[in-house]
Amino acid sequence: MPGVPNTHHAARIAATQLRIGWRKLRGKSVTHHFAVGLAVVAVTAMTPGITWVVYANAQSVVDGASAIGTLVPAGIGVVTVVMTAYLTVLQIGDIDVRDGYLTTVPARDVVGGLLAAGYVRVAGMFVPPLLVASVGLAGGVGRPLALLSAPIAVLALTTTAYLVGFPIGMVIAYALGQSAFVDRYKGALGAGAFVAYLALLLTDSLWTVAGPVIEAARASPVAWYTDLALITVPGADASALRAGAALAGSMGVAALGVLASVRVSERRWYDDGAHADIRTTDSARGGRLDGVLGRPAAWVARKSWLRARRAPIKLLYVVYPAFVLFGPIQNSIAAGRVTATLPATLTLYAAWATGALFALNPLGDEGAVLPITATSGVTGREVVAGLVAASALVGTPVSIALAVVLGVLSPLSPVAVACLAVGGVVLPALAATVAAGVGASFPKYEATSMTRSREVVVPSLWSFGVYTIVFLLSAGIATGAQSPAVGSVLGGALGVSTAVVHVAGLAVGLAVAGACAVVAGRNAVRAFDGYTADG
């Protein structure tokens, strides 16, 4: 049948893709293996809890008295569609050595292989726990027959949602590939989308966006999968007509999803994509920065900015710790005002992020040109100065703005606000210096896969962790002392005013952070100059 993949070819391609994925996973770093193992352990640990929830609510679902009966399939369906579309755009919607495959087998067979392999990757983490939860459903209602229909409902729902999400992702990928604007700024757009997602999480607004979609799914035939799951349970409030319609609908939608995936994939692979005109830039041109830092250090700073502009996706790791801001930000939103802890927390995070921007992997960021850079006459001191300047010139204005604006809007005293402002001025440069020294001790030269076609060099986990601990333990003194609670407790214990605690805490914190910066800066200079001496 035209448009339908050959099952034999598709199965072999899927098996090959899974083997390649397994080999790539085995070739990853120990840190990556640890992260994957942690995810597997987390899912495994959550499975008994999910099963218990299903067991405890099974009878009310069977009687039709619980909203969970419609909420669960709606949530599973929406999450599967969104996750599939997202991963299709980034990874599972294309294949390595595509031209070789397309000259050997029809495109529809390649798509069939991608669909099969992609389903294993997308659904492999949450379908097994759902199948195990079917045991909880059967046990909760005391009807072993539920073990027959519940797994069928789970597989039918996830497969159907997957085959809806895959062509949607391919359409998005195709549309993006036809835009010269997207081709030029895809890194920045991707980073912006990720930041927007974090903003939804930080402001507790994710349900505002996802809620209407899930509610619409609950009111649609998606809710009929509950009838399919309960149809074999005697006495259940399940309709045989709706269950049959859900199963028949799954078959029809799945068939249309496969045909749509084949059609869109062929358009994406065979049509000419748009490509932005390559604009030449002179990264070594002179400017005001040359007069302030000197030409070599200014060249290092401009090179850091140019790399970030060309590949902003490599800076996403700076945003990851923003998850720790959930509490302070959500507390402020709930209170309807800026709380006393928010200015210090955001000022400290802004300073930390400033240091991590460009200085956390000074040797690894050079990549293959490190020997050239090291023998170009640029000294370690100039490299460190350039990296610190590149970071501080970007992050310091943000740190100052957060400290002053949020401090004024908060219940902090004028002395505490002034101390935070001073911290916003000084801490970013100290953070960048500490980052350079730590990063020079734990360089990372290997690229990390961000998408199927994009690899970037990011700092090592050791650099990330050591830098974070050192900077927070030192600079955290300067910002933490501005808290009214800290000022009151220490002031009462020492017999001094809270203003004295604020100023003294700032001085001690800056002194400790400054000492760490001196040691780290010397280490970074020695590491770069030592590389030069070693050739």
Protein backbone atom coordinates (compact mmCIF):
# COMPACT_ATOMS: atom_id res chain seq x y z
CA MET A 1 0.00 0.00 0.00
CA PRO A 2 1.51 3.39 -0.98
CA GLY A 3 2.73 5.40 2.01
CA VAL A 4 2.78 2.41 4.36
CA PRO A 5 6.25 1.39 5.59
CA ASN A 6 7.59 -2.07 4.92
CA THR A 7 7.50 -3.70 8.35
CA HIS A 8 10.64 -5.77 7.76
CA HIS A 9 12.71 -2.77 6.67
CA ALA A 10 11.24 -0.56 9.40
CA ALA A 11 12.00 -3.13 12.10
CA ARG A 12 15.62 -3.47 11.00
CA ILE A 13 16.07 0.30 10.84
CA ALA A 14 14.50 0.68 14.29
CA ALA A 15 16.76 -2.00 15.74
CA THR A 16 19.78 -0.30 14.18
CA GLN A 17 18.77 3.07 15.60
CA LEU A 18 18.33 1.63 19.07
CA ARG A 19 21.72 -0.09 18.88
CA ILE A 20 23.35 3.16 17.78
CA GLY A 21 21.63 5.00 20.62
CA TRP A 22 22.83 2.38 23.10
CA ARG A 23 26.41 2.64 21.83
CA LYS A 24 26.30 6.42 22.09
CA LEU A 25 25.00 6.14 25.62
CA ARG A 26 27.79 3.73 26.56
CA GLY A 27 30.31 6.16 25.14
CA LYS A 28 29.09 9.03 27.30
CA SER A 29 30.88 10.23 30.40
CA VAL A 30 30.45 8.75 33.85
CA THR A 31 28.47 11.84 34.80
CA HIS A 32 26.00 11.22 31.98
CA HIS A 33 25.67 7.58 33.01
CA PHE A 34 25.02 8.70 36.57
CA ALA A 35 22.27 11.09 35.42
CA VAL A 36 20.59 8.40 33.33
CA GLY A 37 20.87 5.91 36.17
CA LEU A 38 19.39 8.44 38.56
CA ALA A 39 16.42 8.94 36.23
CA VAL A 40 15.87 5.19 35.99
CA VAL A 41 16.06 4.84 39.76
CA ALA A 42 13.62 7.73 40.21
CA VAL A 43 11.09 6.20 37.82
CA THR A 44 11.51 2.79 39.44
CA ALA A 45 11.05 4.28 42.90
CA MET A 46 7.93 6.18 41.81
CA THR A 47 6.28 3.10 40.30
CA PRO A 48 5.14 1.61 43.66
CA GLY A 49 3.72 5.00 44.64
CA ILE A 50 1.78 5.32 41.40
CA THR A 51 0.53 1.77 41.79
CA TRP A 52 -0.64 2.50 45.34
CA VAL A 53 -2.53 5.64 44.25
CA VAL A 54 -4.27 3.63 41.54
CA TYR A 55 -5.04 0.88 44.05
CA ALA A 56 -6.47 3.33 46.60
CA ASN A 57 -8.70 5.11 44.06
CA ALA A 58 -9.59 2.11 41.94
CA GLN A 59 -13.09 1.53 43.33
CA SER A 60 -14.13 5.19 43.01
CA VAL A 61 -12.88 5.21 39.42
CA VAL A 62 -14.84 2.05 38.66
CA ASP A 63 -17.98 3.56 40.20
CA GLY A 64 -17.51 6.73 38.15
CA ALA A 65 -17.29 8.88 41.28
CA SER A 66 -13.70 10.06 40.80
CA ALA A 67 -12.45 12.73 38.41
CA ILE A 68 -9.20 10.79 38.15
CA GLY A 69 -10.89 8.49 35.67
CA THR A 70 -10.91 11.22 33.02
CA LEU A 71 -7.94 13.23 34.25
CA VAL A 72 -5.41 10.39 33.91
CA PRO A 73 -5.95 9.62 30.19
CA ALA A 74 -6.15 13.33 29.38
CA GLY A 75 -2.87 14.03 31.18
CA ILE A 76 -1.10 11.03 29.66
CA GLY A 77 -2.30 11.94 26.19
CA VAL A 78 -1.30 15.62 26.37
CA VAL A 79 2.12 14.89 27.89
CA THR A 80 2.84 12.22 25.29
CA VAL A 81 1.88 14.48 22.38
CA VAL A 82 3.95 17.42 23.65
CA MET A 83 6.97 15.31 24.56
CA THR A 84 6.87 13.50 21.21
CA ALA A 85 6.60 16.70 19.20
CA TYR A 86 9.46 18.27 21.15
CA LEU A 87 11.78 15.28 20.79
CA THR A 88 10.86 14.90 17.12
CA VAL A 89 12.08 18.41 16.42
CA LEU A 90 15.31 17.88 18.35
CA GLN A 91 16.29 14.22 17.99
CA ILE A 92 14.01 11.39 16.94
CA GLY A 93 12.68 13.00 13.75
CA ASP A 94 15.86 12.48 11.73
CA ILE A 95 18.43 9.78 11.18
CA ASP A 96 22.19 9.66 10.91
CA VAL A 97 23.52 9.10 7.37
CA ARG A 98 20.09 9.94 6.01
CA ASP A 99 21.23 10.13 2.38
CA GLY A 100 22.59 6.60 2.58
CA TYR A 101 19.30 5.24 3.85
CA LEU A 102 17.22 7.15 1.29
CA THR A 103 19.24 5.74 -1.59
CA THR A 104 18.74 2.20 -0.26
CA VAL A 105 15.13 2.00 0.93
CA PRO A 106 12.04 4.18 0.40
CA ALA A 107 11.59 7.12 2.71
CA ARG A 108 8.44 5.55 4.15
CA ASP A 109 10.50 2.62 5.48
CA VAL A 110 12.96 5.03 7.11
CA VAL A 111 10.04 6.84 8.73
CA GLY A 112 8.65 3.53 9.94
CA GLY A 113 11.96 2.73 11.60
CA LEU A 114 12.11 6.16 13.21
CA LEU A 115 8.55 5.79 14.49
CA ALA A 116 9.28 2.45 16.12
CA ALA A 117 12.60 3.51 17.65
CA GLY A 118 11.16 6.84 18.75
CA TYR A 119 8.25 5.21 20.56
CA VAL A 120 10.67 3.14 22.61
CA ARG A 121 12.61 6.28 23.55
CA VAL A 122 9.60 8.46 24.30
CA ALA A 123 7.34 5.97 26.03
CA GLY A 124 9.99 3.66 27.43
CA MET A 125 10.28 5.59 30.69
CA PHE A 126 6.61 5.96 31.63
CA VAL A 127 4.68 3.18 29.89
CA PRO A 128 6.20 0.37 32.04
CA PRO A 129 5.14 2.08 35.31
CA LEU A 130 1.64 2.53 33.88
CA LEU A 131 1.49 -1.14 32.96
CA VAL A 132 2.59 -2.04 36.47
CA ALA A 133 -0.09 0.31 37.82
CA SER A 134 -2.64 -1.87 36.02
CA VAL A 135 -1.94 -4.43 38.72
CA GLY A 136 -2.96 -1.84 41.30
CA LEU A 137 -6.21 -1.25 39.42
CA ALA A 138 -6.99 -4.95 39.33
CA GLY A 139 -6.14 -5.35 42.99
CA GLY A 140 -8.10 -2.28 44.04
CA VAL A 141 -11.33 -3.50 42.48
CA GLY A 142 -10.66 -7.13 43.26
CA ARG A 143 -11.16 -8.09 39.63
CA PRO A 144 -8.21 -9.79 37.88
CA LEU A 145 -10.00 -9.25 34.56
CA ALA A 146 -8.84 -5.63 34.72
CA LEU A 147 -5.38 -6.94 33.86
CA LEU A 148 -6.71 -7.69 30.37
CA SER A 149 -8.13 -4.33 29.35
CA ALA A 150 -6.05 -1.80 31.32
CA PRO A 151 -2.74 -2.58 29.54
CA ILE A 152 -4.53 -2.45 26.19
CA ALA A 153 -5.86 1.00 27.07
CA VAL A 154 -2.41 2.22 28.14
CA LEU A 155 -0.72 1.00 24.96
CA ALA A 156 -3.53 2.25 22.72
CA LEU A 157 -3.53 5.71 24.31
CA THR A 158 0.24 6.22 24.30
CA THR A 159 0.64 4.85 20.78
CA THR A 160 -2.13 7.06 19.43
CA ALA A 161 -0.80 10.16 21.21
CA TYR A 162 2.71 9.37 19.97
CA LEU A 163 1.52 9.06 16.37
CA VAL A 164 -0.23 12.42 16.72
CA GLY A 165 2.80 14.13 18.23
CA PHE A 166 5.33 12.80 15.71
CA PRO A 167 3.83 14.40 12.57
CA ILE A 168 3.21 17.60 14.54
CA GLY A 169 6.90 17.69 15.43
CA MET A 170 7.85 16.98 11.81
CA VAL A 171 5.63 19.83 10.61
CA ILE A 172 7.30 22.18 13.10
CA ALA A 173 10.77 20.99 12.05
CA TYR A 174 9.86 21.41 8.37
CA ALA A 175 8.47 24.91 8.92
CA LEU A 176 11.55 25.93 10.89
CA GLY A 177 13.78 24.59 8.14
CA GLN A 178 12.08 26.83 5.59
CA SER A 179 12.86 30.05 7.45
CA ALA A 180 16.14 31.85 6.88
CA PHE A 181 15.49 33.85 10.05
CA VAL A 182 15.17 30.67 12.11
CA ASP A 183 18.26 29.20 10.48
CA ARG A 184 20.28 32.25 11.48
CA TYR A 185 18.94 32.64 15.00
CA LYS A 186 17.92 29.08 15.87
CA GLY A 187 20.29 28.95 18.82
CA ALA A 188 18.93 32.14 20.33
CA LEU A 189 15.34 31.10 19.65
CA GLY A 190 15.90 27.73 21.30
CA ALA A 191 17.49 29.37 24.32
CA GLY A 192 14.60 31.83 24.49
CA ALA A 193 12.05 29.02 24.41
CA PHE A 194 13.84 27.26 27.25
CA VAL A 195 13.97 30.45 29.31
CA ALA A 196 10.26 31.01 28.66
CA TYR A 197 9.57 27.49 29.91
CA LEU A 198 11.58 28.20 33.06
CA ALA A 199 9.66 31.44 33.52
CA LEU A 200 6.38 29.51 33.46
CA LEU A 201 7.75 27.19 36.13
CA LEU A 202 9.19 29.99 38.27
CA THR A 203 5.98 31.99 38.21
CA ASP A 204 3.83 28.91 38.80
CA SER A 205 2.01 29.64 35.53
CA LEU A 206 2.54 26.30 33.80
CA TRP A 207 -0.93 25.09 34.72
CA THR A 208 -2.38 28.32 33.31
CA VAL A 209 -1.11 27.19 29.91
CA ALA A 210 -1.49 23.42 30.25
CA GLY A 211 -4.72 23.41 32.24
CA PRO A 212 -7.09 24.42 29.42
CA VAL A 213 -5.46 21.88 27.09
CA ILE A 214 -5.89 19.04 29.58
CA GLU A 215 -9.45 20.10 30.35
CA ALA A 216 -10.23 20.09 26.63
CA ALA A 217 -8.77 16.58 26.39
CA ARG A 218 -10.95 15.47 29.33
CA ALA A 219 -14.03 16.68 27.48
CA SER A 220 -12.99 14.88 24.29
CA PRO A 221 -13.07 11.18 23.29
CA VAL A 222 -9.67 10.86 25.00
CA ALA A 223 -11.64 10.25 28.21
CA TRP A 224 -13.11 7.13 26.62
CA TYR A 225 -9.86 5.28 27.25
CA THR A 226 -11.06 4.96 30.84
CA ASP A 227 -14.01 2.96 29.53
CA LEU A 228 -11.59 0.80 27.55
CA ALA A 229 -9.49 0.19 30.66
CA LEU A 230 -12.52 -0.81 32.75
CA ILE A 231 -14.59 -2.67 30.19
CA THR A 232 -13.60 -6.10 31.52
CA VAL A 233 -14.44 -5.18 35.12
CA PRO A 234 -17.93 -6.42 36.06
CA GLY A 235 -20.15 -3.66 37.41
CA ALA A 236 -17.87 -0.85 36.28
CA ASP A 237 -19.37 2.42 35.07
CA ALA A 238 -17.93 1.81 31.60
CA SER A 239 -19.62 1.98 28.22
CA ALA A 240 -18.87 -0.78 25.73
CA LEU A 241 -19.74 1.62 22.94
CA ARG A 242 -17.23 4.23 24.11
CA ALA A 243 -14.59 1.56 24.73
CA GLY A 244 -15.04 0.17 21.23
CA ALA A 245 -14.96 3.66 19.77
CA ALA A 246 -11.72 4.41 21.63
CA LEU A 247 -10.08 1.27 20.27
CA ALA A 248 -11.35 1.80 16.74
CA GLY A 249 -10.41 5.46 16.91
CA SER A 250 -6.89 4.54 17.99
CA MET A 251 -6.50 2.34 14.95
CA GLY A 252 -7.79 5.02 12.61
CA VAL A 253 -5.77 7.86 14.12
CA ALA A 254 -2.65 5.68 14.23
CA ALA A 255 -2.98 4.86 10.54
CA LEU A 256 -3.46 8.52 9.66
CA GLY A 257 -0.53 9.43 11.91
CA VAL A 258 1.79 7.03 10.08
CA LEU A 259 0.69 8.32 6.66
CA ALA A 260 1.05 11.94 7.79
CA SER A 261 4.49 11.24 9.25
CA VAL A 262 5.63 9.72 5.96
CA ARG A 263 4.26 12.60 3.90
CA VAL A 264 5.71 15.38 6.05
CA SER A 265 9.06 13.61 6.41
CA GLU A 266 9.37 13.30 2.64
CA ARG A 267 8.67 17.01 2.25
CA ARG A 268 11.19 17.86 4.93
CA TRP A 269 13.95 15.64 3.56
CA TYR A 270 13.54 16.27 -0.14
CA ASP A 271 12.60 19.97 -0.22
CA ASP A 272 15.36 22.56 -0.22
CA GLY A 273 15.62 24.23 3.15
CA ALA A 274 16.31 27.90 3.74
CA HIS A 275 19.78 28.98 4.75
CA ALA A 276 20.73 32.35 6.13
CA ASP A 277 23.36 34.31 4.28
CA ILE A 278 26.69 33.98 6.02
CA ARG A 279 27.75 37.32 7.40
CA THR A 280 31.44 37.88 7.88
CA THR A 281 32.53 39.60 11.04
CA ASP A 282 35.87 40.89 12.15
CA SER A 283 36.24 39.63 15.67
CA ALA A 284 39.60 41.35 16.05
CA ARG A 285 38.52 44.86 15.17
CA GLY A 286 39.57 47.57 17.56
CA GLY A 287 37.32 49.51 19.89
CA ARG A 288 37.06 51.24 23.23
CA LEU A 289 37.70 47.96 24.99
CA ASP A 290 41.24 47.89 23.58
CA GLY A 291 42.11 51.09 25.37
CA VAL A 292 40.77 49.84 28.70
CA LEU A 293 41.96 46.24 28.75
CA GLY A 294 44.67 46.19 26.14
CA ARG A 295 44.29 44.59 22.73
CA PRO A 296 44.94 40.93 23.73
CA ALA A 297 42.48 40.93 26.66
CA ALA A 298 39.90 42.83 24.61
CA TRP A 299 40.30 40.25 21.83
CA VAL A 300 39.58 37.45 24.32
CA ALA A 301 36.47 39.25 25.57
CA ARG A 302 35.11 39.90 22.07
CA LYS A 303 35.81 36.31 21.06
CA SER A 304 33.77 35.08 24.04
CA TRP A 305 30.83 37.28 23.04
CA LEU A 306 31.07 36.19 19.42
CA ARG A 307 31.00 32.51 20.38
CA ALA A 308 27.97 33.07 22.58
CA ARG A 309 26.16 34.90 19.79
CA ARG A 310 26.86 32.09 17.34
CA ALA A 311 25.94 29.28 19.75
CA PRO A 312 23.84 30.64 22.64
CA ILE A 313 22.61 27.13 23.36
CA LYS A 314 25.93 26.37 25.07
CA LEU A 315 25.03 28.86 27.82
CA LEU A 316 21.84 27.06 28.83
CA TYR A 317 23.62 25.41 31.75
CA VAL A 318 23.70 28.83 33.41
CA VAL A 319 19.90 28.71 33.66
CA TYR A 320 19.65 25.27 35.27
CA PRO A 321 20.24 26.46 38.87
CA ALA A 322 17.35 28.88 38.42
CA PHE A 323 15.17 26.06 39.73
CA VAL A 324 16.34 26.98 43.24
CA LEU A 325 14.62 30.33 42.76
CA PHE A 326 11.20 28.69 42.65
CA GLY A 327 10.62 29.10 46.37
CA PRO A 328 11.54 32.80 46.77
CA ILE A 329 9.77 33.87 43.57
CA GLN A 330 6.61 31.90 44.29
CA ASN A 331 6.56 33.21 47.86
CA SER A 332 6.68 36.76 46.51
CA ILE A 333 3.91 36.03 44.02
CA ALA A 334 1.76 34.48 46.74
CA ALA A 335 2.40 37.44 49.06
CA GLY A 336 1.70 39.98 46.33
CA ARG A 337 4.92 41.85 47.10
CA VAL A 338 8.69 41.47 47.03
CA THR A 339 9.68 39.47 50.09
CA ALA A 340 12.77 40.21 52.14
CA THR A 341 14.70 37.19 50.85
CA LEU A 342 14.15 37.71 47.12
CA PRO A 343 16.59 40.62 46.46
CA ALA A 344 19.56 38.88 48.11
CA THR A 345 18.76 35.54 46.45
CA LEU A 346 18.49 36.98 42.94
CA THR A 347 21.54 39.20 43.39
CA LEU A 348 23.61 36.19 44.45
CA TYR A 349 22.29 34.12 41.55
CA ALA A 350 22.99 36.91 39.06
CA ALA A 351 26.57 37.17 40.29
CA TRP A 352 26.98 33.37 40.11
CA ALA A 353 25.56 33.28 36.59
CA THR A 354 27.89 36.09 35.54
CA GLY A 355 30.90 34.04 36.53
CA ALA A 356 29.60 30.92 34.81
CA LEU A 357 28.87 32.66 31.50
CA PHE A 358 32.27 32.67 29.80
CA ALA A 359 34.94 31.82 32.38
CA LEU A 360 34.04 28.35 33.68
CA ASN A 361 35.93 26.41 31.00
CA PRO A 362 38.76 28.69 29.84
CA LEU A 363 40.89 25.94 28.28
CA GLY A 364 38.14 23.71 26.94
CA ASP A 365 36.29 26.55 25.24
CA GLU A 366 39.28 27.08 22.97
CA GLY A 367 38.90 23.58 21.59
CA ALA A 368 41.16 22.68 18.71
CA VAL A 369 42.62 26.20 18.53
CA LEU A 370 43.97 26.07 22.09
CA PRO A 371 47.57 25.41 20.91
CA ILE A 372 47.29 28.35 18.52
CA THR A 373 45.89 30.63 21.21
CA ALA A 374 48.53 29.50 23.70
CA THR A 375 51.37 30.23 21.28
CA SER A 376 49.95 33.48 19.91
CA GLY A 377 51.70 35.63 22.50
CA VAL A 378 48.63 36.12 24.69
CA THR A 379 49.55 35.63 28.35
CA GLY A 380 47.50 33.85 30.95
CA ARG A 381 46.88 37.13 32.75
CA GLU A 382 45.44 38.65 29.57
CA VAL A 383 43.23 35.63 28.94
CA VAL A 384 41.82 35.74 32.46
CA ALA A 385 41.33 39.50 32.26
CA GLY A 386 39.46 39.11 28.98
CA LEU A 387 37.20 36.38 30.31
CA VAL A 388 36.44 38.31 33.49
CA ALA A 389 35.69 41.44 31.49
CA ALA A 390 33.45 39.54 29.06
CA SER A 391 31.42 38.15 31.94
CA ALA A 392 31.36 41.23 34.15
CA LEU A 393 30.38 43.66 31.41
CA VAL A 394 27.32 41.52 30.67
CA GLY A 395 26.30 40.45 34.16
CA THR A 396 27.17 43.40 36.40
CA PRO A 397 24.41 45.73 35.11
CA VAL A 398 21.88 42.95 35.67
CA SER A 399 23.15 42.28 39.19
CA ILE A 400 23.03 45.96 40.10
CA ALA A 401 19.53 46.38 38.68
CA LEU A 402 18.19 43.37 40.57
CA ALA A 403 19.81 44.47 43.82
CA VAL A 404 18.58 48.06 43.66
CA VAL A 405 15.12 47.63 42.14
CA LEU A 406 14.09 44.61 44.19
CA GLY A 407 15.78 46.00 47.28
CA VAL A 408 13.80 49.24 47.08
CA LEU A 409 10.54 47.34 46.52
CA SER A 410 11.22 44.98 49.43
CA PRO A 411 11.00 45.62 53.19
CA LEU A 412 14.80 45.77 53.46
CA SER A 413 16.36 48.71 55.24
CA PRO A 414 18.22 51.38 53.22
CA VAL A 415 21.52 50.09 54.62
CA ALA A 416 20.77 46.55 53.44
CA VAL A 417 19.77 47.82 49.99
CA ALA A 418 22.99 49.82 49.74
CA CYS A 419 25.01 46.76 50.76
CA LEU A 420 23.25 44.65 48.13
CA ALA A 421 24.00 47.31 45.53
CA VAL A 422 27.70 47.20 46.44
CA GLY A 423 27.58 43.43 46.20
CA GLY A 424 25.95 43.71 42.79
CA VAL A 425 28.87 45.84 41.64
CA VAL A 426 31.74 43.78 43.07
CA LEU A 427 30.59 40.16 43.16
CA PRO A 428 30.17 39.51 39.40
CA ALA A 429 33.83 40.19 38.64
CA LEU A 430 34.94 38.11 41.63
CA ALA A 431 32.65 35.30 40.49
CA ALA A 432 34.16 35.30 37.01
CA THR A 433 37.67 35.14 38.45
CA VAL A 434 36.76 32.23 40.73
CA ALA A 435 35.12 30.47 37.78
CA ALA A 436 38.23 30.86 35.63
CA GLY A 437 40.45 29.33 38.31
CA VAL A 438 38.14 26.42 39.02
CA GLY A 439 37.50 25.80 35.33
CA ALA A 440 41.22 25.75 34.60
CA SER A 441 41.62 22.98 37.19
CA PHE A 442 38.84 20.86 35.69
CA PRO A 443 38.89 21.54 31.94
CA LYS A 444 36.51 19.73 29.60
CA TYR A 445 37.40 19.43 25.92
CA GLU A 446 34.78 16.91 24.76
CA ALA A 447 31.60 18.16 23.13
CA THR A 448 28.20 17.35 24.61
CA SER A 449 25.22 16.52 22.39
CA MET A 450 22.49 19.13 22.79
CA THR A 451 20.43 17.95 19.81
CA ARG A 452 20.92 15.26 17.16
CA SER A 453 22.87 17.67 14.95
CA ARG A 454 24.37 20.01 17.52
CA GLU A 455 27.26 19.39 19.88
CA VAL A 456 28.82 22.05 22.07
CA VAL A 457 31.56 22.13 24.68
CA VAL A 458 30.20 22.93 28.14
CA PRO A 459 32.01 23.06 31.49
CA SER A 460 32.59 19.82 33.36
CA LEU A 461 30.35 18.81 36.22
CA TRP A 462 33.33 19.13 38.57
CA SER A 463 33.88 22.74 37.51
CA PHE A 464 30.20 23.46 37.88
CA GLY A 465 29.96 21.92 41.34
CA VAL A 466 33.22 23.20 42.83
CA TYR A 467 32.67 26.72 41.52
CA THR A 468 29.13 26.79 42.87
CA ILE A 469 30.16 25.60 46.33
CA VAL A 470 33.15 27.94 46.63
CA PHE A 471 31.32 31.01 45.42
CA LEU A 472 28.11 30.46 47.37
CA LEU A 473 29.96 29.78 50.62
CA SER A 474 31.98 32.98 50.24
CA ALA A 475 29.74 35.47 48.47
CA GLY A 476 26.70 34.07 50.26
CA ILE A 477 27.99 35.72 53.43
CA ALA A 478 27.76 39.14 51.79
CA THR A 479 24.20 38.70 50.54
CA GLY A 480 22.86 36.53 53.34
CA ALA A 481 23.83 39.11 55.96
CA GLN A 482 21.33 41.54 54.40
CA SER A 483 18.38 39.43 55.53
CA PRO A 484 16.39 41.11 58.32
CA ALA A 485 16.20 37.79 60.18
CA VAL A 486 19.96 37.29 60.04
CA GLY A 487 20.59 40.88 61.04
CA SER A 488 18.23 40.63 63.99
CA VAL A 489 19.64 37.33 65.28
CA LEU A 490 23.31 38.26 64.92
CA GLY A 491 22.70 41.79 66.15
CA GLY A 492 21.03 40.50 69.29
CA ALA A 493 23.73 37.92 69.90
CA LEU A 494 26.60 40.38 69.40
CA GLY A 495 24.92 43.39 70.95
CA VAL A 496 25.15 45.56 67.83
CA SER A 497 22.60 47.10 65.50
CA THR A 498 21.33 45.33 62.40
CA ALA A 499 23.01 47.99 60.26
CA VAL A 500 26.39 46.95 61.66
CA VAL A 501 25.60 43.32 60.83
CA HIS A 502 24.68 44.28 57.25
CA VAL A 503 27.89 46.24 56.67
CA ALA A 504 30.14 43.77 58.49
CA GLY A 505 28.59 40.82 56.65
CA LEU A 506 29.18 42.56 53.34
CA ALA A 507 32.79 43.30 54.22
CA VAL A 508 33.50 39.75 55.39
CA GLY A 509 31.77 38.20 52.38
CA LEU A 510 33.63 40.38 49.90
CA ALA A 511 36.91 39.69 51.68
CA VAL A 512 36.42 35.92 51.57
CA ALA A 513 35.21 35.99 47.97
CA GLY A 514 38.11 38.27 47.07
CA ALA A 515 40.62 35.90 48.64
CA CYS A 516 39.11 33.00 46.70
CA ALA A 517 39.29 35.10 43.53
CA VAL A 518 42.98 35.88 44.07
CA VAL A 519 43.86 32.21 44.52
CA ALA A 520 41.67 31.13 41.61
CA GLY A 521 42.95 33.86 39.32
CA ARG A 522 46.56 32.88 39.92
CA ASN A 523 45.68 29.26 39.26
CA ALA A 524 44.02 30.16 35.94
CA VAL A 525 47.03 32.21 34.86
CA ARG A 526 49.42 29.39 35.74
CA ALA A 527 47.28 26.83 33.92
CA PHE A 528 47.28 28.83 30.70
CA ASP A 529 50.93 29.84 30.88
CA GLY A 530 51.84 26.28 31.82
CA TYR A 531 50.08 25.00 28.73
CA THR A 532 52.12 27.47 26.71
CA ALA A 533 55.34 26.25 28.29
CA ASP A 534 54.41 22.64 27.56
CA GLY A 535 53.69 23.49 23.94
